[in-house]
Amino acid sequence: VDLEVCRARIEKMECEHKEVVNELKTEVCKVKVEKETIEKKSLERDTANNSVIRTMKHKLVEVESYLSSSEGRSYSKLEGRLAETKLRLVMALSERDEMEMMLRE
């Protein structure tokens, strides 16, 4: 009787062991699929980033080329003059406000 009880316990343990092994195999498969998905997304992201970087480098070359041209230098000079004019305008408005305050007193 003890021998049969032991055999029954061993069979039960073997069944449980097989279930655990199958569950672990299933989990391993899930992890592999997740890993592959992450790697694929990472590769897609890297590819997209590289494309953006190439585009930005191309645009930078275009901008640098434009700025080094005579038209670009003229544009830079005009920007400088515009900034000076805006500064003078702000200073003039400030002086006007000060004068108005003095006249009110």
Protein backbone atom coordinates (compact mmCIF):
# COMPACT_ATOMS: atom_id res chain seq x y z
CA VAL A 1 0.00 0.00 0.00
CA ASP A 2 2.79 2.41 0.82
CA LEU A 3 4.43 1.68 -2.51
CA GLU A 4 1.25 2.54 -4.42
CA VAL A 5 0.79 5.71 -2.40
CA CYS A 6 4.35 6.69 -3.22
CA ARG A 7 3.81 5.94 -6.92
CA ALA A 8 0.62 8.02 -6.91
CA ARG A 9 2.45 10.90 -5.25
CA ILE A 10 5.30 10.62 -7.76
CA GLU A 11 2.85 10.64 -10.69
CA LYS A 12 1.06 13.64 -9.20
CA MET A 13 4.39 15.45 -8.74
CA GLU A 14 5.43 14.60 -12.30
CA CYS A 15 2.15 16.02 -13.61
CA GLU A 16 2.60 19.18 -11.55
CA HIS A 17 6.20 19.42 -12.75
CA LYS A 18 5.09 19.11 -16.38
CA GLU A 19 2.48 21.84 -15.83
CA VAL A 20 5.07 24.15 -14.30
CA VAL A 21 7.50 23.43 -17.14
CA ASN A 22 4.79 24.14 -19.73
CA GLU A 23 3.83 27.38 -17.95
CA LEU A 24 7.49 28.44 -17.91
CA LYS A 25 7.87 27.61 -21.60
CA THR A 26 4.79 29.72 -22.34
CA GLU A 27 6.22 32.62 -20.33
CA VAL A 28 9.58 32.30 -22.11
CA CYS A 29 7.78 32.46 -25.46
CA LYS A 30 5.88 35.56 -24.36
CA VAL A 31 9.10 37.22 -23.21
CA LYS A 32 10.79 36.37 -26.53
CA VAL A 33 7.89 37.91 -28.47
CA GLU A 34 7.99 41.04 -26.29
CA LYS A 35 11.74 41.28 -26.75
CA GLU A 36 11.42 40.99 -30.53
CA THR A 37 8.68 43.62 -30.53
CA ILE A 38 10.83 46.00 -28.47
CA GLU A 39 13.83 45.41 -30.72
CA LYS A 40 11.71 46.05 -33.81
CA LYS A 41 10.30 49.27 -32.37
CA SER A 42 13.79 50.34 -31.29
CA LEU A 43 15.10 49.73 -34.80
CA GLU A 44 12.19 51.67 -36.32
CA ARG A 45 12.81 54.55 -33.87
CA ASP A 46 16.53 54.57 -34.63
CA THR A 47 15.81 54.55 -38.36
CA ALA A 48 13.39 57.45 -37.97
CA ASN A 49 15.87 59.36 -35.79
CA ASN A 50 18.62 58.83 -38.33
CA SER A 51 16.33 60.13 -41.07
CA VAL A 52 15.55 63.24 -39.00
CA ILE A 53 19.24 63.77 -38.29
CA ARG A 54 20.11 63.51 -41.99
CA THR A 55 17.33 65.98 -42.85
CA MET A 56 18.47 68.41 -40.17
CA LYS A 57 22.08 68.20 -41.35
CA HIS A 58 20.94 68.89 -44.90
CA LYS A 59 18.91 71.91 -43.73
CA LEU A 60 21.89 73.16 -41.70
CA VAL A 61 24.11 72.99 -44.77
CA GLU A 62 21.47 74.92 -46.73
CA VAL A 63 21.23 77.60 -44.02
CA GLU A 64 25.00 77.90 -43.68
CA SER A 65 25.32 78.15 -47.44
CA TYR A 66 22.64 80.84 -47.57
CA LEU A 67 24.17 82.83 -44.73
CA SER A 68 27.57 82.78 -46.40
CA SER A 69 26.09 84.06 -49.66
CA SER A 70 25.86 87.79 -50.40
CA GLU A 71 22.07 87.61 -50.05
CA GLY A 72 22.46 85.96 -46.64
CA ARG A 73 24.96 88.57 -45.49
CA SER A 74 22.57 91.31 -46.63
CA TYR A 75 19.76 89.63 -44.70
CA SER A 76 21.93 89.48 -41.58
CA LYS A 77 22.75 93.18 -41.92
CA LEU A 78 19.05 94.01 -42.29
CA GLU A 79 18.27 91.97 -39.18
CA GLY A 80 20.92 93.94 -37.30
CA ARG A 81 19.46 97.26 -38.46
CA LEU A 82 15.96 96.11 -37.52
CA ALA A 83 17.17 95.20 -34.02
CA GLU A 84 18.84 98.62 -33.66
CA THR A 85 15.66 100.36 -34.83
CA LYS A 86 13.53 98.39 -32.37
CA LEU A 87 15.90 99.31 -29.55
CA ARG A 88 15.74 103.00 -30.48
CA LEU A 89 11.94 102.80 -30.59
CA VAL A 90 11.79 101.25 -27.12
CA MET A 91 14.13 103.90 -25.79
CA ALA A 92 12.07 106.68 -27.41
CA LEU A 93 8.84 105.26 -25.96
CA SER A 94 10.46 105.05 -22.55
CA GLU A 95 11.59 108.71 -22.77
CA ARG A 96 8.08 109.71 -23.87
CA ASP A 97 6.56 107.92 -20.89
CA GLU A 98 9.01 109.64 -18.55
CA MET A 99 8.16 113.05 -20.02
CA GLU A 100 4.43 112.38 -19.69
CA MET A 101 4.92 111.46 -16.04
CA MET A 102 6.91 114.65 -15.44
CA LEU A 103 4.18 116.76 -17.11
CA ARG A 104 1.52 115.19 -14.88
CA GLU A 105 3.40 116.13 -11.73
